[in-house]
């Protein structure tokens, strides 16, 4: 349970300190199941970093108003599949 506690603290800190950013990470494929249990979702295909399979993962805010105000909507470098996922899964505000 230590890993879960650490992640919950980090997620809480990120929400408080950076509320308009979408939490994202490159997770090793082996650990994806752990992050899924914490509410993270995978986006896109497997890719390799340091010869290790990884997945891009995001943690979608539960409040649609928060999603609407994320900086990603104005950032041209954010992947379109992330914006598409959020558009399809977030209730309209």
Protein backbone atom coordinates (compact mmCIF):
# COMPACT_ATOMS: atom_id res chain seq x y z
CA UNK A 1 0.00 0.00 0.00
CA UNK A 2 3.00 2.34 0.19
CA UNK A 3 3.06 2.92 -3.58
CA UNK A 4 -0.65 3.80 -3.56
CA UNK A 5 -0.18 6.25 -0.68
CA UNK A 6 2.76 7.94 -2.43
CA UNK A 7 0.79 8.30 -5.67
CA UNK A 8 -2.28 9.64 -3.86
CA UNK A 9 -0.12 12.28 -2.13
CA UNK A 10 1.53 13.23 -5.42
CA UNK A 11 -1.82 13.46 -7.22
CA UNK A 12 -3.27 15.60 -4.42
CA UNK A 13 -0.24 17.90 -4.51
CA UNK A 14 -0.49 18.24 -8.30
CA UNK A 15 -4.22 19.09 -8.13
CA UNK A 16 -3.60 21.78 -5.51
CA UNK A 17 -0.42 23.31 -6.92
CA UNK A 18 -1.14 22.93 -10.68
CA UNK A 19 -4.94 22.80 -11.06
CA UNK A 20 -4.93 23.84 -14.71
CA UNK A 21 -2.48 21.17 -15.87
CA UNK A 22 -3.43 17.65 -16.95
CA UNK A 23 -1.40 15.05 -15.04
CA UNK A 24 0.43 12.85 -17.55
CA UNK A 25 3.28 10.35 -17.43
CA UNK A 26 5.19 7.71 -19.33
CA UNK A 27 4.46 4.51 -17.40
CA UNK A 28 6.36 1.31 -17.86
CA UNK A 29 4.00 -1.25 -19.40
CA UNK A 30 4.59 -3.54 -16.40
CA UNK A 31 3.14 -0.91 -14.04
CA UNK A 32 0.11 0.14 -16.09
CA UNK A 33 -2.27 -2.06 -14.05
CA UNK A 34 -1.23 -0.30 -10.84
CA UNK A 35 -1.91 3.14 -12.32
CA UNK A 36 -5.24 2.03 -13.83
CA UNK A 37 -6.43 1.16 -10.31
CA UNK A 38 -5.65 4.74 -9.30
CA UNK A 39 -7.81 6.20 -12.08
CA UNK A 40 -5.17 6.85 -14.74
CA UNK A 41 -5.99 5.92 -18.34
CA UNK A 42 -3.76 4.96 -21.24
CA UNK A 43 -3.67 6.99 -24.43
CA UNK A 44 -2.11 5.74 -27.63
CA UNK A 45 0.09 2.78 -28.37
CA UNK A 46 3.02 1.21 -26.59
CA UNK A 47 6.33 2.97 -27.22
CA UNK A 48 9.87 2.33 -26.06
CA UNK A 49 12.09 4.40 -23.77
CA UNK A 50 15.47 2.96 -22.84
CA UNK A 51 14.41 -0.29 -24.55
CA UNK A 52 11.52 -0.65 -22.07
CA UNK A 53 7.87 -0.67 -23.24
CA UNK A 54 5.92 2.33 -21.97
CA UNK A 55 2.43 3.81 -22.27
CA UNK A 56 1.36 7.42 -22.09
CA UNK A 57 -1.09 7.81 -19.22
CA UNK A 58 -3.26 10.72 -18.10
CA UNK A 59 -5.30 11.38 -14.98
CA UNK A 60 -8.54 13.02 -16.05
CA UNK A 61 -10.05 15.42 -13.50
CA UNK A 62 -13.50 14.34 -12.31
CA UNK A 63 -14.93 17.88 -12.51
CA UNK A 64 -15.93 18.82 -16.09
CA UNK A 65 -15.33 22.50 -15.31
CA UNK A 66 -11.72 21.71 -14.41
CA UNK A 67 -11.32 19.78 -17.68
CA UNK A 68 -12.76 22.74 -19.60
CA UNK A 69 -10.19 25.10 -18.05
CA UNK A 70 -7.09 22.95 -18.57
CA UNK A 71 -4.17 24.58 -20.37
CA UNK A 72 -4.06 21.75 -22.90
CA UNK A 73 -6.82 23.33 -25.00
CA UNK A 74 -4.51 26.26 -25.85
CA UNK A 75 -1.29 24.27 -26.18
CA UNK A 76 -0.55 23.36 -29.82
CA UNK A 77 1.98 20.72 -28.71
CA UNK A 78 -0.57 18.57 -26.84
CA UNK A 79 -1.39 15.41 -28.74
CA UNK A 80 -4.73 15.44 -30.53
CA UNK A 81 -5.64 11.97 -29.21
CA UNK A 82 -5.54 13.36 -25.66
CA UNK A 83 -7.81 16.27 -26.57
CA UNK A 84 -10.09 13.87 -28.44
CA UNK A 85 -10.36 11.51 -25.48
CA UNK A 86 -11.23 14.38 -23.14
CA UNK A 87 -13.79 15.76 -25.59
CA UNK A 88 -15.53 12.37 -25.88
CA UNK A 89 -15.50 11.42 -22.19
CA UNK A 90 -16.16 14.70 -20.40
CA UNK A 91 -19.74 15.88 -19.87
CA UNK A 92 -20.47 19.32 -21.34
CA UNK A 93 -20.47 22.19 -18.86
